[in-house]
């Protein structure tokens, strides 16, 4: 029952080209699960890993939603995904969203979501709920900042998501130490 929701039905075991050994080891492990938190040190190559996962999901025919807390973080991801895999995630004026032409990868900056007209207008919000319900993989960069009220609202609308992966290269907000799961779900993990 619950295991069928936590564990992936099938997952990749072959290393990804373009990733270092430790990145492959980590990402191949996380793919065993439908939900995961990827907490790493600065300089680890988190943007490379997120980009690789986005491409992998699309290769499986899955629609991908990428969340980032700021325009700067999102621009880094968009640039890397385009450079590595050729996906052009750009502003689609007539669609009023940032996505690839085919809609397989969409990007949302969670800062300011609560003040956006799209999320305040009931008709636009209803359309957005339907749209976000079609994304199967959600990748959250700097997940501790993505989990703002706007980010939580976005995630609540991702009703079709089967795989949710959060990424962080940020230290504990209070003590500045690296967030670790060595002691399980301790106060530092819960707070962040």
Protein backbone atom coordinates (compact mmCIF):
# COMPACT_ATOMS: atom_id res chain seq x y z
CA UNK A 1 0.00 0.00 0.00
CA UNK A 2 2.19 2.87 1.22
CA UNK A 3 5.29 1.22 -0.29
CA UNK A 4 3.70 1.44 -3.73
CA UNK A 5 3.51 5.21 -3.31
CA UNK A 6 7.05 5.61 -1.96
CA UNK A 7 9.08 3.26 -4.12
CA UNK A 8 9.39 3.69 -7.89
CA UNK A 9 7.92 0.88 -9.98
CA UNK A 10 11.01 0.90 -12.19
CA UNK A 11 14.08 3.07 -12.08
CA UNK A 12 17.29 3.67 -13.92
CA UNK A 13 20.43 1.79 -12.88
CA UNK A 14 22.74 2.92 -15.70
CA UNK A 15 24.89 5.97 -14.89
CA UNK A 16 24.06 9.23 -16.67
CA UNK A 17 26.69 10.65 -19.01
CA UNK A 18 27.86 14.08 -17.91
CA UNK A 19 27.59 13.39 -14.18
CA UNK A 20 30.48 12.66 -11.84
CA UNK A 21 30.58 9.25 -10.12
CA UNK A 22 29.27 10.60 -6.80
CA UNK A 23 26.43 12.45 -8.56
CA UNK A 24 25.47 9.27 -10.40
CA UNK A 25 25.64 7.23 -7.23
CA UNK A 26 23.37 9.69 -5.44
CA UNK A 27 20.87 10.24 -8.24
CA UNK A 28 20.55 6.55 -9.10
CA UNK A 29 19.77 5.94 -5.43
CA UNK A 30 17.13 8.68 -5.20
CA UNK A 31 15.40 7.39 -8.35
CA UNK A 32 14.44 4.26 -6.39
CA UNK A 33 11.91 6.49 -4.63
CA UNK A 34 9.06 8.67 -5.88
CA UNK A 35 9.85 11.37 -3.33
CA UNK A 36 13.28 12.54 -2.26
CA UNK A 37 15.32 15.34 -0.75
CA UNK A 38 18.75 15.94 -2.24
CA UNK A 39 20.85 17.99 0.20
CA UNK A 40 24.40 18.73 -0.94
CA UNK A 41 27.30 21.10 -0.36
CA UNK A 42 27.82 24.21 -2.47
CA UNK A 43 29.76 23.34 -5.61
CA UNK A 44 28.43 19.78 -5.78
CA UNK A 45 26.75 20.31 -9.16
CA UNK A 46 23.10 20.47 -8.14
CA UNK A 47 22.10 22.41 -11.28
CA UNK A 48 23.70 19.71 -13.43
CA UNK A 49 21.79 17.00 -11.58
CA UNK A 50 18.43 18.82 -11.82
CA UNK A 51 18.99 19.41 -15.54
CA UNK A 52 19.85 15.76 -16.08
CA UNK A 53 16.77 14.62 -14.19
CA UNK A 54 14.53 16.94 -16.20
CA UNK A 55 15.89 15.48 -19.44
CA UNK A 56 15.53 11.94 -18.11
CA UNK A 57 11.89 12.50 -17.15
CA UNK A 58 11.08 13.96 -20.56
CA UNK A 59 12.79 10.96 -22.21
CA UNK A 60 10.29 8.80 -20.28
CA UNK A 61 7.43 10.91 -21.67
CA UNK A 62 6.80 12.67 -18.35
CA UNK A 63 5.87 16.34 -18.04
CA UNK A 64 8.25 18.17 -15.70
CA UNK A 65 7.58 21.18 -13.48
CA UNK A 66 10.67 22.96 -12.17
CA UNK A 67 10.27 25.26 -9.18
CA UNK A 68 12.87 27.79 -8.07
CA UNK A 69 12.64 30.53 -5.44
CA UNK A 70 14.11 33.33 -7.57
CA UNK A 71 14.59 34.49 -11.13
CA UNK A 72 18.37 34.15 -10.73
CA UNK A 73 18.12 30.49 -9.67
CA UNK A 74 15.66 29.78 -12.47
CA UNK A 75 17.81 31.49 -15.10
CA UNK A 76 20.75 29.26 -14.11
CA UNK A 77 18.61 26.17 -14.54
CA UNK A 78 17.11 27.30 -17.84
CA UNK A 79 20.55 28.12 -19.25
CA UNK A 80 22.03 24.77 -18.16
CA UNK A 81 19.10 22.74 -19.50
CA UNK A 82 19.34 24.53 -22.86
CA UNK A 83 23.13 24.11 -23.06
CA UNK A 84 23.12 20.44 -22.10
CA UNK A 85 19.93 19.14 -23.66
CA UNK A 86 18.64 21.81 -26.04
CA UNK A 87 15.33 22.48 -24.28
CA UNK A 88 14.42 26.14 -24.62
CA UNK A 89 12.35 27.06 -21.58
CA UNK A 90 11.17 30.54 -22.47
CA UNK A 91 8.29 32.91 -21.86
CA UNK A 92 5.33 31.85 -23.99
CA UNK A 93 3.41 35.12 -24.30
CA UNK A 94 0.16 33.67 -25.58
CA UNK A 95 0.27 30.95 -22.93
CA UNK A 96 1.37 33.36 -20.17
CA UNK A 97 3.90 30.88 -18.78
CA UNK A 98 7.54 29.90 -18.98
CA UNK A 99 7.84 26.53 -20.72
CA UNK A 100 9.21 24.63 -23.68
CA UNK A 101 7.24 24.93 -26.92
CA UNK A 102 5.80 21.44 -26.41
CA UNK A 103 4.93 22.12 -22.74
CA UNK A 104 6.96 19.14 -21.50
CA UNK A 105 9.03 21.31 -19.15
CA UNK A 106 7.53 24.25 -17.32
CA UNK A 107 9.28 26.57 -14.88
CA UNK A 108 7.77 28.62 -12.07
CA UNK A 109 9.55 31.11 -9.83
CA UNK A 110 7.73 30.80 -6.51
CA UNK A 111 8.67 34.27 -5.21
CA UNK A 112 5.73 36.52 -5.83
CA UNK A 113 3.23 33.77 -6.70
CA UNK A 114 0.82 34.99 -4.03
CA UNK A 115 0.76 38.47 -5.62
CA UNK A 116 0.38 37.26 -9.20
CA UNK A 117 -2.88 38.04 -10.97
CA UNK A 118 -2.97 34.51 -12.34
CA UNK A 119 -3.33 33.13 -8.83
CA UNK A 120 -5.75 35.78 -7.56
CA UNK A 121 -8.27 35.63 -10.43
CA UNK A 122 -10.66 32.67 -9.79
CA UNK A 123 -11.04 31.80 -13.50
CA UNK A 124 -7.28 31.88 -14.14
CA UNK A 125 -6.63 29.95 -10.93
CA UNK A 126 -9.06 27.22 -11.99
CA UNK A 127 -7.28 26.91 -15.36
CA UNK A 128 -3.90 26.85 -13.60
CA UNK A 129 -5.06 24.02 -11.30
CA UNK A 130 -6.00 21.92 -14.31
CA UNK A 131 -2.68 22.69 -16.04
CA UNK A 132 -0.51 21.98 -12.98
CA UNK A 133 -2.38 18.73 -12.40
CA UNK A 134 -0.87 17.41 -15.65
CA UNK A 135 2.76 17.56 -14.49
CA UNK A 136 4.10 14.20 -13.33
CA UNK A 137 7.58 15.13 -12.09
CA UNK A 138 8.25 18.15 -9.85
CA UNK A 139 11.84 19.28 -9.26
CA UNK A 140 12.31 21.98 -6.61
CA UNK A 141 15.61 23.88 -6.55
CA UNK A 142 16.56 25.39 -3.17
CA UNK A 143 13.51 23.63 -1.82
CA UNK A 144 13.67 25.28 1.59
CA UNK A 145 12.91 28.60 -0.12
CA UNK A 146 10.51 27.15 -2.68
CA UNK A 147 8.34 26.02 0.25
CA UNK A 148 6.99 29.52 0.73
CA UNK A 149 3.21 30.04 0.84
CA UNK A 150 3.25 30.46 -2.96
CA UNK A 151 5.34 27.34 -3.47
CA UNK A 152 3.05 25.32 -1.21
CA UNK A 153 0.06 26.57 -3.19
CA UNK A 154 1.70 25.46 -6.45
CA UNK A 155 2.54 22.04 -5.03
CA UNK A 156 -1.02 21.56 -3.79
CA UNK A 157 -2.17 22.00 -7.39
CA UNK A 158 0.24 19.32 -8.69
CA UNK A 159 -2.35 16.59 -8.20
CA UNK A 160 -0.94 14.39 -10.98
CA UNK A 161 2.62 14.41 -9.66
CA UNK A 162 4.07 10.94 -9.21
CA UNK A 163 7.66 11.97 -8.51
CA UNK A 164 8.68 14.89 -6.28
CA UNK A 165 12.34 15.71 -5.72
CA UNK A 166 13.64 18.63 -3.68
CA UNK A 167 17.21 19.90 -3.95
CA UNK A 168 19.17 22.04 -1.53
CA UNK A 169 22.73 23.27 -1.37
CA UNK A 170 21.93 25.53 1.53
CA UNK A 171 22.98 25.24 5.14
CA UNK A 172 20.66 25.35 8.15
CA UNK A 173 18.91 28.73 8.26
CA UNK A 174 19.57 29.13 12.00
CA UNK A 175 23.04 27.72 12.68
CA UNK A 176 24.60 27.82 9.19
CA UNK A 177 25.61 24.16 9.45
CA UNK A 178 24.96 21.63 6.70
CA UNK A 179 21.56 19.98 7.02
CA UNK A 180 22.09 16.29 7.77
CA UNK A 181 19.80 13.30 8.06
CA UNK A 182 22.39 11.37 10.07
CA UNK A 183 20.23 11.76 13.19
CA UNK A 184 16.97 11.12 11.33
CA UNK A 185 14.20 13.70 11.29
CA UNK A 186 15.73 15.95 13.94
CA UNK A 187 14.71 19.56 14.68
CA UNK A 188 17.14 21.00 12.08
CA UNK A 189 15.68 18.85 9.29
CA UNK A 190 12.09 19.63 10.29
CA UNK A 191 12.73 23.39 10.59
CA UNK A 192 14.38 23.56 7.20
